[in-house]
Amino acid sequence: MDFSQVLDKCGNYGRFQVMILLLYGYTNILGSLHYFSQTLITFTPEHWCFHADLNGLSVEGIRSVYENISASSCTPLLGVVNGTGVVSTNRKCRNWIFNRESGYESITTELKWVCDKSHHPAVGQSFFFMGSVVGTIIFGYLSDQVGRLPSLLMATLCGATGDFITSFVHTLPWFAFSRFMSGLSTDTMYYLMYILVFEYLSPKSRTFGLNIILAVFYCFGLMTSPWAAIWIGNWRRYLWLASLPALGVLIYPFLICESAQWLLTKRKYDDAVICLKKVAKFNRRHVEESVFDEFVKYYRERELQDYKLNSHEDTFLAMFLTPRLRRFTLTLLVKSVIITLSCDVINRNMEGLGTSPFKLFSFTSIVYLPAGVAILLLQNKIGRKGMACTALFVGGLITTATGFMIAHLDPTENALLLAIMVGLGRFGATVSYDAEIQYAAEIIPTSVRGQAVSNIHVIGLASSSLAFYVIYLAQYYKPLPSIFISCLMFFGAGLCLTLPETLNKKLPETLADGEKFALNESFLYFPCFSRKEKNVRTESV
């Protein structure tokens, strides 16, 4: 009587599972508010070096003054004569005129982090992602020591505290410190909640339930957060809105219980039984006490067998000792860097495209819904490799096209076209990111899956610290971020061809299985084409 059998008797898709999925949805809303708060608080509107002669001029008039002298918006003026600015060569710009979006005050407009201080938001972003790497390691370790649920609460509240402290900063050092603290919970609260939900759901309902909840609730958080920022009107008050709802996780221990499978690995069999009884009661299932007695007896006997065998455990580092597993592991690490960095840059590069960055971010976030549906419909038909390769390649094409449009089209006259291209780029990046999670977990052997997936995830998060610097390349040449990211995505698509297909295959359980997995498979093997060839052969016979 193992865990899956007992869970089936207690209910593996009942009222308890509906409630835990809703809490997972709430966690996704918190995650979306938290993860993209950096983008919303550092939006930089159009700005020009202040001069008294510019007072009273419209935005178009100020633009015209600077266009007539072909000067950047950071160029100080001696004055304006007949609509043409006179450039000052010995004066430093100390004040600016901002074309604020609906009057919204961001940290860049309040603290005047523009021109020679325009790199300050990028520094804060770097510390945010450095915090995410440290947080993933710390809370990942704690989740194995003290449990998933306590670690989830600590990670969520730590990130919210970082956001709250950020709302009071006035200097770059404090901004960097608070963003580091905020980053400690990035993604950690999401995947810890994901594990809790995953373990209490039936296998048939996992893919559909988890993907749909993620798509709907995460999309809701992304689409509403820019409008909330505009409605509040100030970046400090927006951070209060983004951080205070995290207090809602304090009710989680009263509604859900600890991961029963984690309790079993820690040999806390009585606590695991208590959790399962709580699930059965919530689902209005009556389970005989003898079932739980058999359950505990089964795991105690297995513990004794494991102790006698005292077998050597596989480790993540051992994956680098054999040639094929080493190649798979290095490919997954590089691919994680490419996909994570590409997603971050595409999701955050919203300025200077002819549309309000708030509206552009909100409207293009709708792509999370069709992205989730696309994975559900296509991944089991074209295969994991085909899904990952196609998403990256098509995303690279779209990002390349967007870069050339930015270079040759007037954003104000082609705002709708550029918005559509940004939406398509976000769609490709989202599909790539979501497909990558499952693909990596299936390639990695069961014996090291948790440890390896965590390490791959950490490397990807570390690369995100470069996102703002890639976006900053636009200061030198506007389409440069798009060109750089498209090259990365094409390279990533090529890397996918070197990985094995996992669809409809027995997944590797040990490192030895992983080394022999898909041994004679061609780089160009795709299940969808293979099925067509088989059908043609059958018809010809």
Protein backbone atom coordinates (compact mmCIF):
# COMPACT_ATOMS: atom_id res chain seq x y z
CA MET A 1 0.00 0.00 0.00
CA ASP A 2 2.18 2.86 -1.28
CA PHE A 3 1.48 6.60 -1.32
CA SER A 4 -0.38 6.71 -4.67
CA GLN A 5 -2.73 3.92 -3.62
CA VAL A 6 -3.57 5.55 -0.30
CA LEU A 7 -4.02 8.96 -1.96
CA ASP A 8 -6.43 7.34 -4.42
CA LYS A 9 -8.55 6.16 -1.49
CA CYS A 10 -8.34 9.56 0.21
CA GLY A 11 -9.20 11.35 -3.05
CA ASN A 12 -6.66 12.52 -5.62
CA TYR A 13 -8.95 15.01 -7.36
CA GLY A 14 -11.60 16.24 -4.97
CA ARG A 15 -12.45 19.30 -2.90
CA PHE A 16 -8.99 19.35 -1.30
CA GLN A 17 -7.31 19.39 -4.72
CA VAL A 18 -9.59 22.19 -5.95
CA MET A 19 -8.69 24.27 -2.91
CA ILE A 20 -4.95 23.66 -3.25
CA LEU A 21 -5.13 24.54 -6.96
CA LEU A 22 -6.83 27.84 -6.07
CA LEU A 23 -4.07 28.56 -3.54
CA TYR A 24 -1.57 27.71 -6.27
CA GLY A 25 -3.34 30.27 -8.45
CA TYR A 26 -3.10 32.88 -5.67
CA THR A 27 0.63 32.10 -5.36
CA ASN A 28 0.99 32.69 -9.11
CA ILE A 29 -0.66 36.11 -8.79
CA LEU A 30 1.79 36.97 -5.98
CA GLY A 31 4.63 35.69 -8.14
CA SER A 32 3.67 37.82 -11.14
CA LEU A 33 3.29 40.96 -9.01
CA HIS A 34 6.63 40.30 -7.36
CA TYR A 35 8.71 39.20 -10.37
CA PHE A 36 7.79 42.10 -12.67
CA SER A 37 7.66 44.81 -10.00
CA GLN A 38 11.21 45.78 -11.01
CA THR A 39 10.00 46.49 -14.54
CA LEU A 40 7.03 48.58 -13.43
CA ILE A 41 8.89 50.69 -10.87
CA THR A 42 11.78 51.50 -13.25
CA PHE A 43 9.89 52.45 -16.41
CA THR A 44 11.71 55.41 -17.95
CA PRO A 45 9.46 57.83 -19.88
CA GLU A 46 10.60 60.27 -22.56
CA HIS A 47 12.73 62.97 -20.96
CA TRP A 48 14.70 66.07 -21.95
CA CYS A 49 17.24 68.25 -20.23
CA PHE A 50 15.39 71.11 -18.54
CA HIS A 51 15.67 74.72 -19.67
CA ALA A 52 13.34 77.59 -18.84
CA ASP A 53 12.78 78.29 -22.54
CA LEU A 54 11.13 74.86 -22.85
CA ASN A 55 8.43 75.77 -20.34
CA GLY A 56 5.04 76.05 -21.97
CA LEU A 57 6.02 73.96 -24.99
CA SER A 58 4.08 70.80 -25.77
CA VAL A 59 5.76 67.39 -25.91
CA GLU A 60 5.80 67.63 -29.71
CA GLY A 61 7.37 71.09 -29.46
CA ILE A 62 10.16 69.87 -27.17
CA ARG A 63 10.80 66.91 -29.47
CA SER A 64 11.02 69.31 -32.41
CA VAL A 65 13.57 71.50 -30.60
CA TYR A 66 15.90 68.55 -30.06
CA GLU A 67 15.30 67.04 -33.51
CA ASN A 68 16.26 70.33 -35.19
CA ILE A 69 19.73 70.16 -33.65
CA SER A 70 19.99 66.34 -33.89
CA ALA A 71 20.86 66.16 -30.20
CA SER A 72 20.05 63.50 -27.61
CA SER A 73 17.52 64.23 -24.90
CA CYS A 74 20.37 64.44 -22.35
CA THR A 75 22.02 67.38 -24.14
CA PRO A 76 21.87 70.62 -22.06
CA LEU A 77 20.69 73.80 -23.82
CA LEU A 78 21.74 77.44 -23.53
CA GLY A 79 18.35 78.46 -24.84
CA VAL A 80 15.83 78.13 -27.67
CA VAL A 81 15.89 80.51 -30.65
CA ASN A 82 13.12 80.31 -33.30
CA GLY A 83 12.24 76.77 -32.27
CA THR A 84 15.83 75.56 -32.45
CA GLY A 85 17.88 74.71 -29.40
CA VAL A 86 21.30 76.19 -28.75
CA VAL A 87 23.59 73.52 -27.31
CA SER A 88 25.59 74.25 -24.18
CA THR A 89 29.06 72.70 -24.13
CA ASN A 90 30.05 73.57 -20.56
CA ARG A 91 26.84 73.00 -18.61
CA LYS A 92 25.78 69.75 -16.99
CA CYS A 93 22.14 68.76 -16.99
CA ARG A 94 20.79 68.70 -13.42
CA ASN A 95 17.05 68.66 -14.02
CA TRP A 96 14.76 67.07 -16.61
CA ILE A 97 11.35 67.37 -18.15
CA PHE A 98 9.52 64.00 -18.08
CA ASN A 99 6.63 62.94 -20.31
CA ARG A 100 5.03 60.82 -17.58
CA GLU A 101 2.56 58.07 -18.46
CA SER A 102 -0.78 59.18 -16.96
CA GLY A 103 1.20 61.08 -14.32
CA TYR A 104 2.85 57.89 -13.00
CA GLU A 105 5.92 58.58 -10.85
CA SER A 106 8.55 55.84 -11.26
CA ILE A 107 11.81 55.57 -9.35
CA THR A 108 13.67 56.86 -12.42
CA THR A 109 11.57 60.05 -12.57
CA GLU A 110 11.54 60.67 -8.80
CA LEU A 111 15.26 60.08 -8.23
CA LYS A 112 16.22 61.31 -11.73
CA TRP A 113 18.03 58.11 -12.69
CA VAL A 114 18.42 59.05 -16.34
CA CYS A 115 21.27 60.00 -18.67
CA ASP A 116 24.52 59.53 -16.70
CA LYS A 117 22.58 57.63 -13.99
CA SER A 118 20.50 55.50 -16.36
CA HIS A 119 22.46 52.39 -15.33
CA HIS A 120 21.20 52.52 -11.74
CA PRO A 121 18.01 50.47 -12.40
CA ALA A 122 20.17 47.85 -14.13
CA VAL A 123 22.36 47.60 -11.01
CA GLY A 124 19.27 47.01 -8.88
CA GLN A 125 18.07 44.36 -11.32
CA SER A 126 21.42 42.59 -11.14
CA PHE A 127 21.23 42.43 -7.35
CA PHE A 128 17.63 41.18 -7.64
CA PHE A 129 18.75 38.16 -9.67
CA MET A 130 21.82 37.59 -7.51
CA GLY A 131 19.38 37.34 -4.64
CA SER A 132 17.28 34.87 -6.62
CA VAL A 133 20.29 32.57 -7.04
CA VAL A 134 21.14 32.74 -3.32
CA GLY A 135 17.47 32.32 -2.37
CA THR A 136 17.00 29.28 -4.58
CA ILE A 137 19.97 27.59 -2.89
CA ILE A 138 18.98 28.59 0.66
CA PHE A 139 15.26 27.86 0.49
CA GLY A 140 15.87 24.77 -1.64
CA TYR A 141 18.09 23.45 1.16
CA LEU A 142 15.58 24.45 3.85
CA SER A 143 12.74 22.75 1.97
CA ASP A 144 14.63 19.45 2.32
CA GLN A 145 15.41 20.09 5.99
CA VAL A 146 12.34 21.74 7.55
CA GLY A 147 9.66 21.04 4.93
CA ARG A 148 8.06 22.51 1.81
CA LEU A 149 5.35 24.52 3.58
CA PRO A 150 7.56 26.42 6.08
CA SER A 151 10.06 27.17 3.32
CA LEU A 152 7.26 28.45 1.08
CA LEU A 153 6.06 30.82 3.81
CA MET A 154 9.58 32.08 4.59
CA ALA A 155 10.43 32.63 0.91
CA THR A 156 7.20 34.49 0.12
CA LEU A 157 7.39 36.75 3.17
CA CYS A 158 11.10 37.43 2.58
CA GLY A 159 10.41 38.63 -0.97
CA ALA A 160 7.49 40.76 0.16
CA THR A 161 9.64 42.32 2.89
CA GLY A 162 12.26 43.20 0.28
CA ASP A 163 9.63 44.91 -1.89
CA PHE A 164 8.28 46.80 1.14
CA ILE A 165 11.75 48.02 2.15
CA THR A 166 12.42 49.10 -1.46
CA SER A 167 9.48 51.50 -1.24
CA PHE A 168 11.41 53.61 1.32
CA VAL A 169 14.83 53.85 -0.40
CA HIS A 170 16.39 57.01 -1.83
CA THR A 171 19.92 55.89 -2.71
CA LEU A 172 21.48 53.29 -5.01
CA PRO A 173 23.17 51.19 -2.24
CA TRP A 174 19.90 50.78 -0.35
CA PHE A 175 18.06 50.10 -3.58
CA ALA A 176 20.56 47.34 -4.46
CA PHE A 177 20.29 45.82 -0.95
CA SER A 178 16.48 45.82 -0.91
CA ARG A 179 16.29 44.33 -4.43
CA PHE A 180 18.72 41.59 -3.37
CA MET A 181 16.45 40.79 -0.44
CA SER A 182 13.40 40.88 -2.68
CA GLY A 183 15.06 38.52 -5.15
CA LEU A 184 15.59 35.85 -2.49
CA SER A 185 12.06 34.53 -3.07
CA THR A 186 11.98 34.77 -6.87
CA ASP A 187 10.62 31.52 -8.34
CA THR A 188 11.25 29.69 -5.04
CA MET A 189 7.74 30.33 -3.74
CA TYR A 190 6.38 29.22 -7.12
CA TYR A 191 8.16 25.88 -7.44
CA LEU A 192 7.68 24.95 -3.75
CA MET A 193 3.94 25.45 -4.15
CA TYR A 194 4.13 23.58 -7.47
CA ILE A 195 5.63 20.55 -5.69
CA LEU A 196 2.93 20.60 -3.01
CA VAL A 197 0.15 20.66 -5.60
CA PHE A 198 1.89 18.13 -7.85
CA GLU A 199 2.12 15.51 -5.11
CA TYR A 200 -1.54 15.68 -4.13
CA LEU A 201 -2.95 15.51 -7.69
CA SER A 202 -3.70 12.41 -9.73
CA PRO A 203 -1.25 11.86 -12.64
CA LYS A 204 -4.02 12.33 -15.23
CA SER A 205 -5.00 15.76 -13.92
CA ARG A 206 -1.52 17.17 -13.26
CA THR A 207 -0.65 18.45 -16.74
CA PHE A 208 -4.03 20.03 -17.39
CA GLY A 209 -4.64 21.42 -13.90
CA LEU A 210 -1.18 22.89 -13.29
CA ASN A 211 -0.81 24.44 -16.77
CA ILE A 212 -4.28 25.97 -16.90
CA ILE A 213 -4.04 27.42 -13.38
CA LEU A 214 -0.59 28.85 -14.19
CA ALA A 215 -1.78 30.36 -17.48
CA VAL A 216 -4.97 31.92 -16.08
CA PHE A 217 -3.76 33.31 -12.74
CA TYR A 218 -0.25 34.35 -13.81
CA CYS A 219 -1.74 36.03 -16.87
CA PHE A 220 -4.30 37.83 -14.67
CA GLY A 221 -1.54 39.17 -12.42
CA LEU A 222 0.54 40.39 -15.37
CA MET A 223 -2.37 42.07 -17.17
CA THR A 224 -3.73 43.91 -14.13
CA SER A 225 -0.48 45.03 -12.46
CA PRO A 226 0.35 47.85 -14.97
CA TRP A 227 -3.16 49.29 -14.60
CA ALA A 228 -2.85 49.07 -10.81
CA ALA A 229 0.44 50.99 -11.03
CA ILE A 230 -1.15 53.73 -13.15
CA TRP A 231 -4.21 53.89 -10.87
CA ILE A 232 -2.03 54.25 -7.75
CA GLY A 233 0.24 56.70 -9.59
CA ASN A 234 3.42 56.19 -7.57
CA TRP A 235 6.04 53.43 -7.52
CA ARG A 236 6.31 53.42 -3.73
CA ARG A 237 2.60 52.87 -3.17
CA TYR A 238 2.58 50.26 -5.95
CA LEU A 239 5.20 48.23 -4.05
CA TRP A 240 2.92 48.31 -1.02
CA LEU A 241 0.14 46.88 -3.17
CA ALA A 242 2.48 44.20 -4.55
CA SER A 243 3.92 43.18 -1.16
CA LEU A 244 1.06 43.31 1.36
CA PRO A 245 -1.09 40.55 -0.28
CA ALA A 246 1.78 38.15 0.50
CA LEU A 247 0.49 38.12 4.08
CA GLY A 248 -2.30 35.91 2.73
CA VAL A 249 0.09 32.92 2.72
CA LEU A 250 -0.09 32.91 6.53
CA ILE A 251 -3.46 31.13 6.25
CA TYR A 252 -1.96 28.31 4.11
CA PRO A 253 -1.01 26.09 7.10
CA PHE A 254 -4.65 26.15 8.24
CA LEU A 255 -5.94 25.04 4.82
CA ILE A 256 -3.30 22.64 3.48
CA CYS A 257 -0.76 20.29 5.02
CA GLU A 258 2.91 19.50 4.50
CA SER A 259 4.07 17.39 1.59
CA ALA A 260 3.30 13.81 2.65
CA GLN A 261 5.99 12.46 0.33
CA TRP A 262 8.59 14.71 1.95
CA LEU A 263 7.47 13.44 5.37
CA LEU A 264 7.94 9.87 4.13
CA THR A 265 11.53 10.62 3.01
CA LYS A 266 12.19 11.95 6.53
CA ARG A 267 10.62 8.77 8.02
CA LYS A 268 7.87 10.82 9.71
CA TYR A 269 5.25 8.21 8.93
CA ASP A 270 2.74 9.27 11.59
CA ASP A 271 2.79 12.87 10.35
CA ALA A 272 2.26 11.65 6.77
CA VAL A 273 -0.79 9.68 7.95
CA ILE A 274 -2.18 12.79 9.66
CA CYS A 275 -1.86 14.72 6.37
CA LEU A 276 -3.58 11.98 4.38
CA LYS A 277 -6.41 11.76 6.92
CA LYS A 278 -6.89 15.51 6.55
CA VAL A 279 -7.14 15.08 2.75
CA ALA A 280 -9.68 12.26 3.17
CA LYS A 281 -11.78 14.31 5.60
CA PHE A 282 -11.77 17.36 3.31
CA ASN A 283 -12.77 15.17 0.35
CA ARG A 284 -15.50 13.50 2.45
CA ARG A 285 -13.91 10.08 2.03
CA HIS A 286 -14.03 7.37 4.68
CA VAL A 287 -10.80 5.39 4.82
CA GLU A 288 -10.35 2.41 7.13
CA GLU A 289 -7.64 2.64 9.76
CA SER A 290 -6.21 -0.64 8.47
CA VAL A 291 -5.31 1.11 5.20
CA PHE A 292 -3.05 3.53 7.03
CA ASP A 293 -1.56 0.68 9.08
CA GLU A 294 -0.62 -1.15 5.87
CA PHE A 295 0.72 2.11 4.47
CA VAL A 296 3.07 2.67 7.43
CA LYS A 297 4.08 -1.02 7.44
CA TYR A 298 5.01 -0.84 3.74
CA TYR A 299 7.34 2.13 4.20
CA ARG A 300 8.93 0.77 7.35
CA GLU A 301 9.76 -2.46 5.51
CA ARG A 302 11.16 -0.52 2.54
CA GLU A 303 13.28 1.55 4.91
CA LEU A 304 14.73 -1.66 6.35
CA GLN A 305 15.51 -3.01 2.86
CA ASP A 306 17.23 0.22 1.84
CA TYR A 307 19.32 0.11 5.01
CA LYS A 308 20.45 -3.46 4.26
CA LEU A 309 21.35 -2.69 0.65
CA ASN A 310 23.21 0.50 1.60
CA SER A 311 23.57 1.18 -2.12
CA HIS A 312 25.70 4.04 -3.48
CA GLU A 313 23.62 7.10 -4.33
CA ASP A 314 23.89 8.89 -7.67
CA THR A 315 24.92 12.55 -7.54
CA PHE A 316 24.57 15.54 -9.83
CA LEU A 317 28.35 15.84 -10.30
CA ALA A 318 28.48 12.20 -11.44
CA MET A 319 26.50 13.27 -14.52
CA PHE A 320 29.71 14.88 -15.82
CA LEU A 321 31.72 11.66 -15.65
CA THR A 322 30.22 9.90 -18.70
CA PRO A 323 30.28 11.40 -22.23
CA ARG A 324 26.60 11.34 -23.25
CA LEU A 325 25.22 12.46 -19.88
CA ARG A 326 27.88 15.16 -19.72
CA ARG A 327 26.77 16.44 -23.13
CA PHE A 328 23.08 16.35 -22.13
CA THR A 329 23.77 18.16 -18.85
CA LEU A 330 25.92 20.90 -20.38
CA THR A 331 23.34 21.39 -23.15
CA LEU A 332 20.53 21.73 -20.61
CA LEU A 333 22.59 24.23 -18.59
CA VAL A 334 23.35 26.40 -21.65
CA LYS A 335 19.76 26.11 -22.89
CA SER A 336 18.46 27.22 -19.49
CA VAL A 337 20.67 30.33 -19.68
CA ILE A 338 19.47 31.13 -23.22
CA ILE A 339 15.77 30.63 -22.52
CA THR A 340 15.73 32.44 -19.15
CA LEU A 341 17.71 35.44 -20.43
CA SER A 342 15.64 35.63 -23.64
CA CYS A 343 12.36 35.52 -21.73
CA ASP A 344 13.46 38.23 -19.34
CA VAL A 345 14.70 40.60 -22.04
CA ILE A 346 11.62 40.09 -24.26
CA ASN A 347 9.25 40.53 -21.30
CA ARG A 348 10.95 43.69 -20.05
CA ASN A 349 11.98 45.48 -23.26
CA MET A 350 8.81 47.57 -23.61
CA GLU A 351 10.05 51.13 -23.98
CA GLY A 352 10.41 53.27 -27.11
CA LEU A 353 8.00 51.18 -29.23
CA GLY A 354 5.40 53.88 -29.87
CA THR A 355 2.98 52.62 -27.22
CA SER A 356 2.70 53.22 -23.51
CA PRO A 357 4.97 50.59 -21.92
CA PHE A 358 2.27 49.98 -19.30
CA LYS A 359 -0.40 49.23 -21.89
CA LEU A 360 2.01 47.24 -24.07
CA PHE A 361 3.07 45.09 -21.11
CA SER A 362 -0.54 44.53 -20.03
CA PHE A 363 -2.08 43.71 -23.42
CA THR A 364 0.74 41.43 -24.60
CA SER A 365 0.56 39.45 -21.33
CA ILE A 366 -2.57 37.78 -22.72
CA VAL A 367 -0.23 35.47 -24.67
CA TYR A 368 0.30 33.40 -21.50
CA LEU A 369 -3.14 31.83 -22.06
CA PRO A 370 -2.62 30.63 -25.66
CA ALA A 371 0.95 29.62 -24.75
CA GLY A 372 -0.36 27.25 -22.09
CA VAL A 373 -2.99 25.87 -24.47
CA ALA A 374 -0.39 25.41 -27.24
CA ILE A 375 1.75 23.24 -24.96
CA LEU A 376 -1.24 21.12 -23.97
CA LEU A 377 -2.31 20.60 -27.59
CA LEU A 378 1.04 20.16 -29.34
CA GLN A 379 3.63 18.78 -26.95
CA ASN A 380 2.27 15.22 -27.01
CA LYS A 381 1.93 15.30 -30.80
CA ILE A 382 5.16 16.80 -32.12
CA GLY A 383 7.29 15.69 -29.16
CA ARG A 384 9.34 17.48 -26.53
CA LYS A 385 12.29 18.15 -28.84
CA GLY A 386 10.05 19.43 -31.63
CA MET A 387 8.20 21.74 -29.23
CA ALA A 388 11.37 23.18 -27.70
CA CYS A 389 13.20 23.57 -31.02
CA THR A 390 10.25 25.08 -32.91
CA ALA A 391 9.37 27.54 -30.15
CA LEU A 392 12.94 28.86 -29.97
CA PHE A 393 13.39 29.03 -33.74
CA VAL A 394 10.07 30.79 -34.40
CA GLY A 395 10.68 33.10 -31.41
CA GLY A 396 14.10 33.98 -32.89
CA LEU A 397 12.55 34.79 -36.28
CA ILE A 398 9.93 37.04 -34.68
CA THR A 399 12.51 38.78 -32.49
CA THR A 400 14.78 39.33 -35.51
CA ALA A 401 11.89 40.83 -37.50
CA THR A 402 11.00 43.05 -34.55
CA GLY A 403 14.58 44.32 -34.33
CA PHE A 404 14.66 45.29 -38.02
CA MET A 405 11.27 47.00 -37.70
CA ILE A 406 12.53 49.03 -34.74
CA ALA A 407 15.54 50.07 -36.83
CA HIS A 408 13.62 51.12 -39.97
CA LEU A 409 10.09 52.05 -38.90
CA ASP A 410 8.81 55.08 -37.04
CA PRO A 411 7.44 53.69 -33.74
CA THR A 412 4.73 56.35 -33.45
CA GLU A 413 3.30 55.48 -36.87
CA ASN A 414 3.67 51.70 -36.52
CA ALA A 415 2.82 51.23 -32.85
CA LEU A 416 0.16 48.56 -33.50
CA LEU A 417 2.46 46.47 -35.72
CA LEU A 418 5.28 46.63 -33.18
CA ALA A 419 2.86 45.70 -30.36
CA ILE A 420 1.74 42.61 -32.31
CA MET A 421 5.37 41.62 -32.89
CA VAL A 422 6.18 42.05 -29.18
CA GLY A 423 3.17 39.88 -28.30
CA LEU A 424 4.26 37.17 -30.72
CA GLY A 425 7.79 37.32 -29.32
CA ARG A 426 6.48 36.92 -25.76
CA PHE A 427 4.33 33.99 -26.94
CA GLY A 428 7.38 32.17 -28.36
CA ALA A 429 9.47 32.91 -25.27
CA THR A 430 6.71 31.72 -22.91
CA VAL A 431 6.20 28.45 -24.80
CA SER A 432 9.97 27.88 -24.78
CA TYR A 433 10.23 28.51 -21.04
CA ASP A 434 7.26 26.36 -20.01
CA ALA A 435 8.24 23.49 -22.35
CA GLU A 436 11.82 23.55 -21.04
CA ILE A 437 10.76 22.71 -17.46
CA GLN A 438 9.13 19.41 -18.36
CA TYR A 439 11.70 18.47 -21.03
CA ALA A 440 14.66 18.85 -18.66
CA ALA A 441 12.91 16.88 -15.90
CA GLU A 442 12.30 13.97 -18.29
CA ILE A 443 15.86 13.79 -19.67
CA ILE A 444 17.49 13.81 -16.22
CA PRO A 445 17.50 10.40 -14.43
CA THR A 446 15.11 10.00 -11.51
CA SER A 447 17.92 9.43 -8.99
CA VAL A 448 19.25 12.99 -9.41
CA ARG A 449 16.22 14.74 -10.88
CA GLY A 450 15.41 17.09 -8.01
CA GLN A 451 19.01 18.14 -7.42
CA ALA A 452 19.83 18.52 -11.13
CA VAL A 453 16.69 20.47 -12.06
CA SER A 454 17.35 22.84 -9.14
CA ASN A 455 20.96 23.44 -10.26
CA ILE A 456 19.92 24.02 -13.88
CA HIS A 457 17.27 26.45 -12.65
CA VAL A 458 19.84 28.35 -10.56
CA ILE A 459 22.18 28.77 -13.55
CA GLY A 460 19.27 30.13 -15.61
CA LEU A 461 18.31 32.59 -12.88
CA ALA A 462 21.91 33.78 -12.60
CA SER A 463 21.87 34.72 -16.30
CA SER A 464 18.80 36.90 -15.69
CA SER A 465 21.05 39.39 -13.89
CA LEU A 466 22.31 40.35 -17.37
CA ALA A 467 18.82 41.16 -18.71
CA PHE A 468 18.89 44.89 -17.94
CA TYR A 469 22.38 45.21 -19.42
CA VAL A 470 21.17 43.59 -22.64
CA ILE A 471 18.24 46.04 -22.71
CA TYR A 472 20.74 48.85 -22.01
CA LEU A 473 22.40 48.03 -25.38
CA ALA A 474 19.54 50.00 -26.95
CA GLN A 475 21.30 53.16 -25.76
CA TYR A 476 23.94 52.48 -28.46
CA TYR A 477 21.72 51.02 -31.19
CA LYS A 478 17.98 50.64 -30.64
CA PRO A 479 17.40 47.16 -32.17
CA LEU A 480 20.59 45.71 -30.63
CA PRO A 481 18.77 43.89 -27.74
CA SER A 482 16.44 42.16 -30.25
CA ILE A 483 19.33 41.16 -32.51
CA PHE A 484 21.36 39.79 -29.59
CA ILE A 485 18.43 37.76 -28.20
CA SER A 486 17.41 36.39 -31.61
CA CYS A 487 20.96 35.06 -32.12
CA LEU A 488 20.77 33.34 -28.73
CA MET A 489 17.39 31.79 -29.58
CA PHE A 490 18.66 30.42 -32.92
CA PHE A 491 21.63 28.91 -31.12
CA GLY A 492 19.29 27.40 -28.51
CA ALA A 493 17.10 25.87 -31.23
CA GLY A 494 20.18 24.20 -32.68
CA LEU A 495 21.16 22.87 -29.24
CA CYS A 496 17.74 21.21 -28.90
CA LEU A 497 18.60 18.95 -31.84
CA THR A 498 21.42 17.39 -29.80
CA LEU A 499 19.04 16.27 -27.05
CA PRO A 500 17.08 12.99 -27.09
CA GLU A 501 13.32 12.77 -27.58
CA THR A 502 11.45 11.65 -24.44
CA LEU A 503 7.87 11.32 -25.70
CA ASN A 504 6.35 7.84 -25.13
CA LYS A 505 9.65 6.47 -23.78
CA LYS A 506 10.55 4.86 -20.47
CA LEU A 507 12.44 7.61 -18.70
CA PRO A 508 15.87 6.91 -17.19
CA GLU A 509 15.91 6.10 -13.49
CA THR A 510 19.66 5.84 -12.82
CA LEU A 511 22.76 7.48 -14.29
CA ALA A 512 23.49 4.21 -16.09
CA ASP A 513 20.05 4.36 -17.72
CA GLY A 514 20.65 8.01 -18.63
CA GLU A 515 23.91 7.21 -20.39
CA LYS A 516 22.19 4.59 -22.58
CA PHE A 517 18.96 6.57 -23.09
CA ALA A 518 18.05 7.01 -26.81
CA LEU A 519 21.51 5.68 -27.70
CA ASN A 520 20.97 5.19 -31.46
CA GLU A 521 18.58 8.07 -32.01
CA SER A 522 19.30 10.55 -34.82
CA PHE A 523 19.64 14.28 -34.11
CA LEU A 524 16.81 14.84 -36.62
CA TYR A 525 14.42 12.31 -35.07
CA PHE A 526 10.93 13.75 -34.43
CA PRO A 527 8.02 11.47 -33.38
CA CYS A 528 5.47 13.26 -35.59
CA PHE A 529 7.51 12.56 -38.76
CA SER A 530 8.24 9.02 -37.62
CA ARG A 531 4.53 8.23 -37.30
CA LYS A 532 3.85 9.54 -40.80
CA GLU A 533 6.63 7.34 -42.24
CA LYS A 534 5.20 4.29 -40.48
CA ASN A 535 1.71 5.04 -41.83
CA VAL A 536 3.05 5.39 -45.38
CA ARG A 537 4.88 2.07 -45.09
CA THR A 538 1.76 0.36 -43.75
CA GLU A 539 -0.38 1.68 -46.60
CA SER A 540 2.19 0.60 -49.23
CA VAL A 541 2.23 -2.94 -47.77
